[in-house]
């Protein structure tokens, strides 16, 4: 399987062969959906918290006597039906974490990359080494890619490229060993360096 090869100026300089064992799998949309939900659940912090009537300060004194006032009986001003009272069945801090076997995560990554490659969303770039950390040096590449979101995948990030791309909202980067199915699916374009593909192939092989 081949894809377009670009340089840092955004010029197409040839073709690049993608590894068949990573980019030629048959994707299962339901399986990829399951794994993407796994990653999203693990990003959920679960820190939402409300106070019950026992945790709200005050309310120790009975508002008025039980009988004879003509009003409804109440024992505390921190009852859930009172303003500034406690919350019934409100959220409490909890973990949303899910666990999936490493083999499933690896297979989902392979299927996600295969789906993106089939859609023409996987590209290659010669390298990410910039001579100077200037955003203007990436204008040509930005116009050539013409995407709402681009994820660059490499084995190690060039300091100048990282600094120059900080002001470009649709440019992101990821180390090949950290790439997962969720990151592969959420970006409109995936751009790999040659060394990034080698590192990706090695990490996939080690996960087997």
N, C-alpha and C. Protein backbone atom coordinates (compact mmCIF):
# COMPACT_ATOMS: atom_id res chain seq x y z
N UNK A 1 0.84 -1.19 0.00
CA UNK A 1 0.00 0.00 0.00
C UNK A 1 0.88 1.24 0.00
N UNK A 2 0.58 2.17 -0.88
CA UNK A 2 1.37 3.39 -1.00
C UNK A 2 0.58 4.61 -0.54
N UNK A 3 1.32 5.64 -0.14
CA UNK A 3 0.71 6.91 0.21
C UNK A 3 1.61 8.04 -0.25
N UNK A 4 1.13 9.25 -0.21
CA UNK A 4 1.90 10.39 -0.67
C UNK A 4 3.00 10.74 0.34
N UNK A 5 4.15 11.15 -0.20
CA UNK A 5 5.28 11.57 0.62
C UNK A 5 5.51 13.06 0.43
N UNK A 6 5.51 13.82 1.54
CA UNK A 6 5.68 15.26 1.49
C UNK A 6 7.00 15.66 2.15
N UNK A 7 7.44 16.87 1.85
CA UNK A 7 8.53 17.46 2.61
C UNK A 7 7.96 18.57 3.49
N UNK A 8 8.81 19.23 4.24
CA UNK A 8 8.34 20.25 5.19
C UNK A 8 7.80 21.51 4.51
N UNK A 9 8.07 21.65 3.22
CA UNK A 9 7.54 22.80 2.49
C UNK A 9 6.15 22.52 1.93
N UNK A 10 5.67 21.30 2.15
CA UNK A 10 4.34 20.94 1.65
C UNK A 10 4.35 20.43 0.23
N UNK A 11 5.52 20.15 -0.32
CA UNK A 11 5.64 19.66 -1.69
C UNK A 11 5.60 18.14 -1.71
N UNK A 12 4.84 17.58 -2.64
CA UNK A 12 4.79 16.13 -2.78
C UNK A 12 6.04 15.67 -3.53
N UNK A 13 6.84 14.83 -2.90
CA UNK A 13 8.14 14.44 -3.47
C UNK A 13 8.18 12.98 -3.90
N UNK A 14 7.08 12.26 -3.75
CA UNK A 14 7.09 10.87 -4.17
C UNK A 14 6.03 10.06 -3.45
N UNK A 15 6.26 8.76 -3.42
CA UNK A 15 5.37 7.82 -2.76
C UNK A 15 6.10 7.10 -1.63
N UNK A 16 5.32 6.61 -0.69
CA UNK A 16 5.90 5.91 0.46
C UNK A 16 5.11 4.63 0.70
N UNK A 17 5.83 3.53 0.88
CA UNK A 17 5.20 2.23 1.11
C UNK A 17 4.84 2.07 2.58
N UNK A 18 3.57 1.80 2.85
CA UNK A 18 3.11 1.56 4.21
C UNK A 18 3.21 0.07 4.54
N UNK A 19 3.59 -0.29 5.77
CA UNK A 19 3.69 -1.71 6.14
C UNK A 19 2.34 -2.42 6.00
N UNK A 20 2.34 -3.52 5.29
CA UNK A 20 1.10 -4.25 5.04
C UNK A 20 0.51 -4.84 6.32
N UNK A 21 1.36 -5.24 7.26
CA UNK A 21 0.85 -5.89 8.48
C UNK A 21 0.15 -4.91 9.42
N UNK A 22 0.30 -3.60 9.17
CA UNK A 22 -0.34 -2.59 10.02
C UNK A 22 -1.50 -1.89 9.30
N UNK A 23 -1.39 -1.73 7.99
CA UNK A 23 -2.35 -0.91 7.26
C UNK A 23 -3.23 -1.69 6.29
N UNK A 24 -3.27 -3.01 6.42
CA UNK A 24 -4.09 -3.79 5.49
C UNK A 24 -5.11 -4.69 6.19
N UNK A 25 -5.36 -4.44 7.48
CA UNK A 25 -6.34 -5.25 8.21
C UNK A 25 -7.76 -4.85 7.82
N UNK A 26 -8.70 -5.76 8.06
CA UNK A 26 -10.10 -5.47 7.79
C UNK A 26 -10.72 -4.87 9.05
N UNK A 27 -11.10 -3.59 9.03
CA UNK A 27 -11.61 -2.95 10.26
C UNK A 27 -13.02 -3.39 10.63
N UNK A 28 -13.24 -3.52 11.92
CA UNK A 28 -14.57 -3.81 12.47
C UNK A 28 -15.02 -2.56 13.23
N UNK A 29 -16.00 -1.86 12.71
CA UNK A 29 -16.41 -0.58 13.29
C UNK A 29 -16.92 -0.74 14.73
N UNK A 30 -17.61 -1.85 15.02
CA UNK A 30 -18.13 -2.06 16.37
C UNK A 30 -16.99 -2.28 17.37
N UNK A 31 -15.98 -3.01 16.92
CA UNK A 31 -14.82 -3.27 17.78
C UNK A 31 -14.05 -1.98 18.05
N UNK A 32 -13.84 -1.19 17.00
CA UNK A 32 -13.13 0.09 17.17
C UNK A 32 -13.92 1.02 18.08
N UNK A 33 -15.24 1.00 17.94
CA UNK A 33 -16.10 1.83 18.80
C UNK A 33 -15.94 1.43 20.27
N UNK A 34 -15.87 0.14 20.53
CA UNK A 34 -15.69 -0.34 21.91
C UNK A 34 -14.38 0.15 22.50
N UNK A 35 -13.31 0.10 21.72
CA UNK A 35 -12.00 0.51 22.22
C UNK A 35 -11.92 2.02 22.39
N UNK A 36 -12.53 2.77 21.47
CA UNK A 36 -12.54 4.23 21.60
C UNK A 36 -13.29 4.63 22.87
N UNK A 37 -14.40 3.97 23.16
CA UNK A 37 -15.12 4.25 24.42
C UNK A 37 -14.23 3.94 25.62
N UNK A 38 -13.42 2.93 25.53
CA UNK A 38 -12.48 2.59 26.60
C UNK A 38 -11.52 3.75 26.88
N UNK A 39 -10.95 4.33 25.81
CA UNK A 39 -10.03 5.45 25.98
C UNK A 39 -10.75 6.69 26.51
N UNK A 40 -11.96 6.95 26.02
CA UNK A 40 -12.71 8.11 26.50
C UNK A 40 -13.09 7.96 27.96
N UNK A 41 -13.46 6.75 28.36
CA UNK A 41 -13.81 6.50 29.76
C UNK A 41 -12.60 6.72 30.66
N UNK A 42 -11.43 6.33 30.20
CA UNK A 42 -10.22 6.49 31.01
C UNK A 42 -9.76 7.94 31.08
N UNK A 43 -10.25 8.78 30.16
CA UNK A 43 -9.96 10.21 30.25
C UNK A 43 -10.91 10.92 31.20
N UNK A 44 -11.99 10.26 31.58
CA UNK A 44 -13.01 10.85 32.46
C UNK A 44 -12.44 10.94 33.88
N UNK A 45 -12.35 12.12 34.42
CA UNK A 45 -11.71 12.30 35.73
C UNK A 45 -12.59 11.82 36.87
N UNK A 46 -13.88 11.93 36.75
CA UNK A 46 -14.77 11.45 37.81
C UNK A 46 -14.64 12.21 39.11
N UNK A 47 -14.47 13.54 39.05
CA UNK A 47 -14.28 14.33 40.27
C UNK A 47 -15.53 15.11 40.67
N UNK A 48 -16.64 14.94 39.93
CA UNK A 48 -17.87 15.66 40.28
C UNK A 48 -18.35 15.24 41.66
N UNK A 49 -18.76 16.21 42.46
CA UNK A 49 -19.14 15.90 43.84
C UNK A 49 -20.21 16.87 44.33
N UNK A 50 -21.25 16.35 44.95
CA UNK A 50 -22.26 17.17 45.61
C UNK A 50 -22.36 16.75 47.07
N UNK A 51 -22.94 17.62 47.89
CA UNK A 51 -23.07 17.34 49.31
C UNK A 51 -24.46 16.82 49.64
N UNK A 52 -24.50 15.82 50.48
CA UNK A 52 -25.77 15.33 50.99
C UNK A 52 -26.22 16.22 52.14
N UNK A 53 -27.41 15.99 52.67
CA UNK A 53 -27.91 16.83 53.76
C UNK A 53 -27.05 16.72 55.01
N UNK A 54 -26.36 15.62 55.17
CA UNK A 54 -25.49 15.46 56.34
C UNK A 54 -24.17 16.21 56.19
N UNK A 55 -23.81 16.59 54.95
CA UNK A 55 -22.53 17.26 54.71
C UNK A 55 -22.67 18.77 54.58
N UNK A 56 -23.90 19.28 54.38
CA UNK A 56 -24.10 20.73 54.27
C UNK A 56 -24.05 21.34 55.67
N UNK A 57 -23.30 22.44 55.81
CA UNK A 57 -23.16 23.05 57.13
C UNK A 57 -24.47 23.71 57.56
N UNK A 58 -24.72 23.73 58.85
CA UNK A 58 -25.93 24.33 59.40
C UNK A 58 -27.07 23.35 59.46
N UNK A 59 -28.24 23.88 59.78
CA UNK A 59 -29.44 23.04 59.80
C UNK A 59 -29.62 22.20 61.04
N UNK A 60 -28.84 22.49 62.09
CA UNK A 60 -28.97 21.68 63.30
C UNK A 60 -30.21 22.01 64.11
N UNK A 61 -30.69 23.21 63.98
CA UNK A 61 -31.86 23.63 64.75
C UNK A 61 -33.13 23.42 63.95
N UNK A 62 -34.15 22.93 64.60
CA UNK A 62 -35.45 22.74 63.95
C UNK A 62 -36.02 24.11 63.58
N UNK A 63 -36.45 24.33 62.33
CA UNK A 63 -36.90 25.67 61.90
C UNK A 63 -38.03 26.23 62.75
N UNK A 64 -39.01 25.42 63.07
CA UNK A 64 -40.11 25.82 63.94
C UNK A 64 -40.67 24.57 64.60
N UNK A 65 -41.51 24.79 65.58
CA UNK A 65 -42.02 23.65 66.33
C UNK A 65 -42.86 22.75 65.42
N UNK A 66 -43.01 21.52 65.87
CA UNK A 66 -43.66 20.50 65.04
C UNK A 66 -45.13 20.84 64.75
N UNK A 67 -45.86 21.32 65.77
CA UNK A 67 -47.30 21.53 65.59
C UNK A 67 -47.71 22.96 65.94
N UNK A 68 -48.88 23.35 65.44
CA UNK A 68 -49.48 24.60 65.85
C UNK A 68 -49.16 25.81 65.00
N UNK A 69 -48.26 25.70 64.04
CA UNK A 69 -47.91 26.87 63.22
C UNK A 69 -48.73 26.95 61.95
N UNK A 70 -49.37 25.87 61.56
CA UNK A 70 -50.12 25.84 60.31
C UNK A 70 -49.24 25.57 59.10
N UNK A 71 -47.96 25.46 59.33
CA UNK A 71 -47.05 25.18 58.22
C UNK A 71 -46.62 23.71 58.24
N UNK A 72 -46.00 23.28 57.13
CA UNK A 72 -45.55 21.89 57.05
C UNK A 72 -44.43 21.64 58.05
N UNK A 73 -44.39 20.45 58.55
CA UNK A 73 -43.37 20.10 59.54
C UNK A 73 -42.00 19.94 58.87
N UNK A 74 -40.98 20.46 59.51
CA UNK A 74 -39.61 20.35 59.02
C UNK A 74 -38.67 20.15 60.20
N UNK A 75 -37.64 19.36 59.94
CA UNK A 75 -36.67 19.12 61.00
C UNK A 75 -35.35 19.81 60.77
N UNK A 76 -35.09 20.26 59.54
CA UNK A 76 -33.80 20.88 59.23
C UNK A 76 -33.94 21.79 58.01
N UNK A 77 -33.20 22.89 58.03
CA UNK A 77 -33.18 23.78 56.86
C UNK A 77 -32.23 23.26 55.78
N UNK A 78 -31.57 22.15 56.04
CA UNK A 78 -30.66 21.56 55.05
C UNK A 78 -31.29 20.34 54.39
N UNK A 79 -32.59 20.21 54.53
CA UNK A 79 -33.31 19.15 53.83
C UNK A 79 -33.22 19.38 52.32
N UNK A 80 -33.21 18.34 51.52
CA UNK A 80 -33.10 18.50 50.05
C UNK A 80 -34.20 19.37 49.44
N UNK A 81 -35.35 19.52 50.11
CA UNK A 81 -36.42 20.33 49.52
C UNK A 81 -36.30 21.81 49.88
N UNK A 82 -35.27 22.13 50.65
CA UNK A 82 -35.03 23.52 51.02
C UNK A 82 -33.92 24.11 50.14
N UNK A 83 -34.01 25.42 49.94
CA UNK A 83 -32.94 26.13 49.26
C UNK A 83 -31.66 26.03 50.09
N UNK A 84 -30.54 25.79 49.43
CA UNK A 84 -29.24 25.56 50.07
C UNK A 84 -29.21 24.26 50.85
N UNK A 85 -30.17 23.39 50.58
CA UNK A 85 -30.16 22.09 51.24
C UNK A 85 -29.25 21.10 50.53
N UNK A 86 -29.25 19.89 51.02
CA UNK A 86 -28.42 18.84 50.43
C UNK A 86 -28.98 18.36 49.09
N UNK A 87 -28.22 17.55 48.40
CA UNK A 87 -28.61 17.00 47.10
C UNK A 87 -28.89 15.52 47.24
N UNK A 88 -30.01 15.08 46.67
CA UNK A 88 -30.38 13.66 46.73
C UNK A 88 -29.79 12.93 45.53
N UNK A 89 -29.09 11.84 45.76
CA UNK A 89 -28.52 10.99 44.71
C UNK A 89 -27.63 11.79 43.74
N UNK A 90 -26.93 12.78 44.27
CA UNK A 90 -26.02 13.55 43.43
C UNK A 90 -24.74 12.79 43.14
N UNK A 91 -23.91 13.29 42.21
CA UNK A 91 -22.66 12.59 41.88
C UNK A 91 -21.65 12.66 43.01
N UNK A 92 -20.87 11.60 43.11
CA UNK A 92 -19.78 11.51 44.06
C UNK A 92 -18.52 11.08 43.31
N UNK A 93 -17.34 11.47 43.78
CA UNK A 93 -16.12 11.06 43.08
C UNK A 93 -16.05 9.55 42.91
N UNK A 94 -15.79 9.13 41.69
CA UNK A 94 -15.67 7.70 41.40
C UNK A 94 -14.80 7.49 40.17
N UNK A 95 -14.34 6.31 39.99
CA UNK A 95 -13.49 5.98 38.84
C UNK A 95 -14.34 5.43 37.70
N UNK A 96 -14.12 5.96 36.52
CA UNK A 96 -14.78 5.47 35.31
C UNK A 96 -13.87 4.54 34.51
N UNK A 97 -12.76 4.18 35.09
CA UNK A 97 -11.73 3.44 34.36
C UNK A 97 -12.23 2.08 33.90
N UNK A 98 -11.86 1.76 32.65
CA UNK A 98 -12.15 0.45 32.08
C UNK A 98 -10.84 -0.25 31.75
N UNK A 99 -10.89 -1.56 31.70
CA UNK A 99 -9.70 -2.35 31.42
C UNK A 99 -9.95 -3.25 30.21
N UNK A 100 -9.02 -3.22 29.26
CA UNK A 100 -9.06 -4.10 28.10
C UNK A 100 -7.69 -4.74 27.94
N UNK A 101 -7.64 -5.96 27.44
CA UNK A 101 -6.35 -6.63 27.23
C UNK A 101 -5.49 -5.87 26.21
N UNK A 102 -4.19 -5.94 26.38
CA UNK A 102 -3.27 -5.27 25.47
C UNK A 102 -3.43 -5.78 24.03
N UNK A 103 -3.79 -7.06 23.88
CA UNK A 103 -3.96 -7.60 22.53
C UNK A 103 -5.12 -6.92 21.81
N UNK A 104 -6.20 -6.61 22.55
CA UNK A 104 -7.34 -5.93 21.94
C UNK A 104 -6.98 -4.49 21.57
N UNK A 105 -6.23 -3.83 22.43
CA UNK A 105 -5.83 -2.46 22.14
C UNK A 105 -4.91 -2.40 20.92
N UNK A 106 -4.01 -3.37 20.82
CA UNK A 106 -3.11 -3.42 19.67
C UNK A 106 -3.89 -3.69 18.39
N UNK A 107 -4.82 -4.65 18.45
CA UNK A 107 -5.61 -4.98 17.27
C UNK A 107 -6.49 -3.81 16.84
N UNK A 108 -7.03 -3.09 17.82
CA UNK A 108 -7.86 -1.93 17.50
C UNK A 108 -7.04 -0.85 16.82
N UNK A 109 -5.79 -0.66 17.26
CA UNK A 109 -4.91 0.32 16.62
C UNK A 109 -4.65 -0.06 15.17
N UNK A 110 -4.36 -1.33 14.93
CA UNK A 110 -4.10 -1.80 13.57
C UNK A 110 -5.33 -1.59 12.69
N UNK A 111 -6.51 -1.93 13.21
CA UNK A 111 -7.73 -1.79 12.42
C UNK A 111 -8.05 -0.31 12.18
N UNK A 112 -7.82 0.54 13.18
CA UNK A 112 -8.07 1.97 13.02
C UNK A 112 -7.14 2.56 11.96
N UNK A 113 -5.87 2.19 12.00
CA UNK A 113 -4.92 2.69 11.01
C UNK A 113 -5.26 2.18 9.61
N UNK A 114 -5.73 0.95 9.52
CA UNK A 114 -6.13 0.40 8.23
C UNK A 114 -7.33 1.15 7.67
N UNK A 115 -8.28 1.49 8.55
CA UNK A 115 -9.45 2.24 8.12
C UNK A 115 -9.07 3.63 7.64
N UNK A 116 -8.16 4.28 8.36
CA UNK A 116 -7.73 5.63 7.96
C UNK A 116 -6.95 5.59 6.65
N UNK A 117 -6.12 4.56 6.48
CA UNK A 117 -5.35 4.44 5.24
C UNK A 117 -6.29 4.20 4.05
N UNK A 118 -7.32 3.38 4.26
CA UNK A 118 -8.27 3.11 3.18
C UNK A 118 -9.03 4.38 2.80
N UNK A 119 -9.20 5.29 3.76
CA UNK A 119 -9.91 6.55 3.50
C UNK A 119 -8.99 7.64 2.95
N UNK A 120 -7.70 7.31 2.78
CA UNK A 120 -6.75 8.28 2.25
C UNK A 120 -6.30 9.31 3.26
N UNK A 121 -6.44 9.01 4.55
CA UNK A 121 -6.09 9.98 5.59
C UNK A 121 -4.69 9.79 6.14
N UNK A 122 -3.95 8.78 5.65
CA UNK A 122 -2.60 8.51 6.14
C UNK A 122 -1.59 9.01 5.10
N UNK A 123 -0.67 9.88 5.54
CA UNK A 123 0.36 10.44 4.68
C UNK A 123 1.72 10.23 5.32
N UNK A 124 2.76 10.52 4.55
CA UNK A 124 4.12 10.39 5.06
C UNK A 124 4.88 11.68 4.81
N UNK A 125 5.87 11.93 5.65
CA UNK A 125 6.70 13.13 5.52
C UNK A 125 8.15 12.71 5.69
N UNK A 126 9.05 13.40 5.00
CA UNK A 126 10.46 13.01 5.02
C UNK A 126 11.03 13.08 6.43
N UNK A 127 10.85 14.20 7.09
CA UNK A 127 11.31 14.37 8.47
C UNK A 127 10.64 15.60 9.06
N UNK A 128 10.84 15.81 10.34
CA UNK A 128 10.26 16.95 11.02
C UNK A 128 11.32 17.90 11.54
N UNK A 129 12.52 17.82 10.97
CA UNK A 129 13.62 18.66 11.42
C UNK A 129 13.61 20.03 10.78
N UNK A 130 13.35 21.06 11.56
CA UNK A 130 13.36 22.44 11.08
C UNK A 130 14.67 23.12 11.47
N UNK A 131 15.15 24.01 10.58
CA UNK A 131 16.38 24.75 10.89
C UNK A 131 16.13 25.83 11.93
N UNK A 132 14.91 26.38 11.93
CA UNK A 132 14.57 27.43 12.90
C UNK A 132 13.15 27.20 13.41
N UNK A 133 12.90 27.61 14.64
CA UNK A 133 11.58 27.41 15.26
C UNK A 133 10.65 28.56 14.88
N UNK A 134 10.28 28.62 13.60
CA UNK A 134 9.40 29.67 13.10
C UNK A 134 8.12 29.06 12.53
N UNK A 135 6.99 29.59 12.96
CA UNK A 135 5.70 29.09 12.48
C UNK A 135 5.54 29.31 10.99
N UNK A 136 6.12 30.41 10.48
CA UNK A 136 5.99 30.72 9.05
C UNK A 136 6.62 29.66 8.17
N UNK A 137 7.57 28.90 8.70
CA UNK A 137 8.21 27.85 7.90
C UNK A 137 7.30 26.66 7.66
N UNK A 138 6.15 26.61 8.34
CA UNK A 138 5.22 25.50 8.17
C UNK A 138 3.98 25.90 7.37
N UNK A 139 3.96 27.13 6.85
CA UNK A 139 2.79 27.59 6.11
C UNK A 139 2.51 26.75 4.88
N UNK A 140 3.58 26.39 4.15
CA UNK A 140 3.40 25.57 2.95
C UNK A 140 2.85 24.21 3.27
N UNK A 141 3.35 23.60 4.34
CA UNK A 141 2.85 22.29 4.75
C UNK A 141 1.41 22.36 5.20
N UNK A 142 1.08 23.43 5.90
CA UNK A 142 -0.30 23.60 6.39
C UNK A 142 -1.29 23.73 5.22
N UNK A 143 -0.92 24.48 4.19
CA UNK A 143 -1.80 24.65 3.04
C UNK A 143 -1.93 23.34 2.25
N UNK A 144 -0.83 22.59 2.16
CA UNK A 144 -0.85 21.35 1.39
C UNK A 144 -1.73 20.30 2.06
N UNK A 145 -1.67 20.23 3.37
CA UNK A 145 -2.47 19.22 4.09
C UNK A 145 -3.94 19.62 4.10
N UNK A 146 -4.23 20.89 4.28
CA UNK A 146 -5.60 21.41 4.20
C UNK A 146 -6.58 20.55 5.00
N UNK A 147 -6.32 20.43 6.29
CA UNK A 147 -7.16 19.60 7.15
C UNK A 147 -7.48 20.35 8.43
N UNK A 148 -8.63 20.01 9.02
CA UNK A 148 -9.04 20.66 10.27
C UNK A 148 -8.16 20.21 11.43
N UNK A 149 -7.65 18.99 11.38
CA UNK A 149 -6.78 18.50 12.44
C UNK A 149 -5.77 17.52 11.84
N UNK A 150 -4.51 17.70 12.21
CA UNK A 150 -3.42 16.87 11.71
C UNK A 150 -2.63 16.34 12.89
N UNK A 151 -2.35 15.04 12.87
CA UNK A 151 -1.54 14.42 13.92
C UNK A 151 -0.26 13.90 13.29
N UNK A 152 0.87 14.43 13.75
CA UNK A 152 2.17 13.97 13.27
C UNK A 152 2.68 12.88 14.22
N UNK A 153 3.09 11.76 13.64
CA UNK A 153 3.55 10.62 14.43
C UNK A 153 5.02 10.38 14.11
N UNK A 154 5.85 10.40 15.13
CA UNK A 154 7.28 10.25 14.93
C UNK A 154 7.89 9.45 16.08
N UNK A 155 9.15 9.07 15.92
CA UNK A 155 9.82 8.32 16.99
C UNK A 155 10.34 9.26 18.06
N UNK A 156 10.74 10.48 17.67
CA UNK A 156 11.16 11.50 18.64
C UNK A 156 10.85 12.87 18.04
N UNK A 157 10.39 13.77 18.86
CA UNK A 157 9.94 15.06 18.36
C UNK A 157 11.10 16.04 18.26
N UNK A 158 11.17 16.73 17.11
CA UNK A 158 12.16 17.77 16.92
C UNK A 158 11.75 19.02 17.71
N UNK A 159 12.68 19.59 18.45
CA UNK A 159 12.37 20.72 19.32
C UNK A 159 11.89 21.93 18.52
N UNK A 160 12.53 22.20 17.39
CA UNK A 160 12.13 23.34 16.57
C UNK A 160 10.74 23.16 15.98
N UNK A 161 10.44 21.95 15.54
CA UNK A 161 9.11 21.68 14.98
C UNK A 161 8.04 21.82 16.06
N UNK A 162 8.32 21.32 17.23
CA UNK A 162 7.36 21.43 18.32
C UNK A 162 7.07 22.89 18.67
N UNK A 163 8.12 23.71 18.70
CA UNK A 163 7.95 25.13 19.01
C UNK A 163 7.22 25.85 17.88
N UNK A 164 7.57 25.55 16.63
CA UNK A 164 6.97 26.23 15.49
C UNK A 164 5.51 25.87 15.30
N UNK A 165 5.12 24.65 15.68
CA UNK A 165 3.74 24.20 15.47
C UNK A 165 2.81 24.54 16.62
N UNK A 166 3.35 25.13 17.68
CA UNK A 166 2.53 25.43 18.85
C UNK A 166 1.42 26.42 18.53
N UNK A 167 1.67 27.35 17.61
CA UNK A 167 0.69 28.38 17.28
C UNK A 167 -0.28 27.94 16.18
N UNK A 168 -0.17 26.71 15.72
CA UNK A 168 -1.08 26.20 14.70
C UNK A 168 -2.05 25.26 15.40
N UNK A 169 -3.29 25.70 15.50
CA UNK A 169 -4.28 24.97 16.31
C UNK A 169 -4.54 23.56 15.79
N UNK A 170 -4.44 23.36 14.48
CA UNK A 170 -4.80 22.05 13.93
C UNK A 170 -3.62 21.10 13.82
N UNK A 171 -2.45 21.49 14.32
CA UNK A 171 -1.28 20.62 14.31
C UNK A 171 -1.07 20.01 15.70
N UNK A 172 -0.98 18.69 15.74
CA UNK A 172 -0.65 18.00 16.98
C UNK A 172 0.41 16.96 16.69
N UNK A 173 1.00 16.39 17.73
CA UNK A 173 2.02 15.38 17.50
C UNK A 173 1.93 14.31 18.57
N UNK A 174 2.47 13.15 18.23
CA UNK A 174 2.40 12.00 19.13
C UNK A 174 3.59 11.10 18.84
N UNK A 175 4.16 10.54 19.88
CA UNK A 175 5.21 9.55 19.69
C UNK A 175 4.59 8.23 19.25
N UNK A 176 5.26 7.53 18.37
CA UNK A 176 4.71 6.30 17.79
C UNK A 176 4.35 5.27 18.86
N UNK A 177 5.17 5.20 19.91
CA UNK A 177 4.91 4.20 20.95
C UNK A 177 3.67 4.54 21.78
N UNK A 178 3.21 5.80 21.71
CA UNK A 178 2.03 6.21 22.47
C UNK A 178 0.76 6.29 21.63
N UNK A 179 0.86 6.02 20.35
CA UNK A 179 -0.30 6.11 19.47
C UNK A 179 -1.32 5.04 19.82
N UNK A 180 -2.60 5.41 19.84
CA UNK A 180 -3.66 4.45 20.11
C UNK A 180 -4.81 4.65 19.13
N UNK A 181 -5.80 3.77 19.20
CA UNK A 181 -6.91 3.80 18.24
C UNK A 181 -7.69 5.10 18.34
N UNK A 182 -7.86 5.62 19.54
CA UNK A 182 -8.62 6.87 19.72
C UNK A 182 -7.92 8.03 19.01
N UNK A 183 -6.60 8.18 19.21
CA UNK A 183 -5.86 9.26 18.57
C UNK A 183 -5.85 9.08 17.06
N UNK A 184 -5.79 7.84 16.61
CA UNK A 184 -5.77 7.58 15.17
C UNK A 184 -7.09 7.96 14.50
N UNK A 185 -8.20 7.83 15.23
CA UNK A 185 -9.51 8.09 14.65
C UNK A 185 -9.94 9.55 14.76
N UNK A 186 -9.42 10.29 15.73
CA UNK A 186 -9.95 11.62 16.01
C UNK A 186 -9.36 12.71 15.12
N UNK A 187 -8.23 12.45 14.47
CA UNK A 187 -7.60 13.45 13.61
C UNK A 187 -7.99 13.22 12.16
N UNK A 188 -8.15 14.32 11.43
CA UNK A 188 -8.55 14.20 10.02
C UNK A 188 -7.43 13.63 9.16
N UNK A 189 -6.18 13.97 9.47
CA UNK A 189 -5.03 13.46 8.73
C UNK A 189 -3.99 12.92 9.71
N UNK A 190 -3.36 11.81 9.34
CA UNK A 190 -2.25 11.23 10.10
C UNK A 190 -1.01 11.32 9.22
N UNK A 191 0.03 11.94 9.74
CA UNK A 191 1.26 12.10 8.97
C UNK A 191 2.40 11.41 9.73
N UNK A 192 2.98 10.39 9.09
CA UNK A 192 4.03 9.59 9.72
C UNK A 192 5.38 9.95 9.13
N UNK A 193 6.39 9.94 9.98
CA UNK A 193 7.76 9.97 9.49
C UNK A 193 8.21 8.52 9.28
N UNK A 194 9.28 8.34 8.51
CA UNK A 194 9.78 6.98 8.26
C UNK A 194 10.22 6.32 9.57
N UNK A 195 10.92 7.07 10.40
CA UNK A 195 11.35 6.53 11.69
C UNK A 195 10.16 6.28 12.60
N UNK A 196 9.12 7.11 12.47
CA UNK A 196 7.91 6.90 13.25
C UNK A 196 7.22 5.61 12.90
N UNK A 197 7.19 5.28 11.62
CA UNK A 197 6.58 4.01 11.18
C UNK A 197 7.38 2.82 11.68
N UNK A 198 8.70 2.94 11.67
CA UNK A 198 9.54 1.85 12.19
C UNK A 198 9.28 1.64 13.68
N UNK A 199 9.20 2.75 14.42
CA UNK A 199 8.94 2.65 15.85
C UNK A 199 7.55 2.08 16.12
N UNK A 200 6.57 2.47 15.29
CA UNK A 200 5.22 1.94 15.43
C UNK A 200 5.18 0.44 15.18
N UNK A 201 5.85 0.01 14.11
CA UNK A 201 5.90 -1.42 13.80
C UNK A 201 6.56 -2.20 14.93
N UNK A 202 7.59 -1.63 15.53
CA UNK A 202 8.27 -2.30 16.63
C UNK A 202 7.38 -2.40 17.86
N UNK A 203 6.65 -1.32 18.18
CA UNK A 203 5.78 -1.34 19.36
C UNK A 203 4.60 -2.31 19.17
N UNK A 204 4.07 -2.38 17.94
CA UNK A 204 2.99 -3.33 17.65
C UNK A 204 3.50 -4.75 17.77
N UNK A 205 4.72 -4.98 17.30
CA UNK A 205 5.30 -6.32 17.38
C UNK A 205 5.53 -6.74 18.82
N UNK A 206 5.99 -5.81 19.65
CA UNK A 206 6.24 -6.12 21.06
C UNK A 206 4.95 -6.38 21.83
N UNK A 207 3.84 -5.80 21.36
CA UNK A 207 2.56 -5.96 22.07
C UNK A 207 1.92 -7.31 21.78
N UNK A 208 2.41 -8.03 20.79
CA UNK A 208 1.80 -9.32 20.45
C UNK A 208 2.07 -10.35 21.53
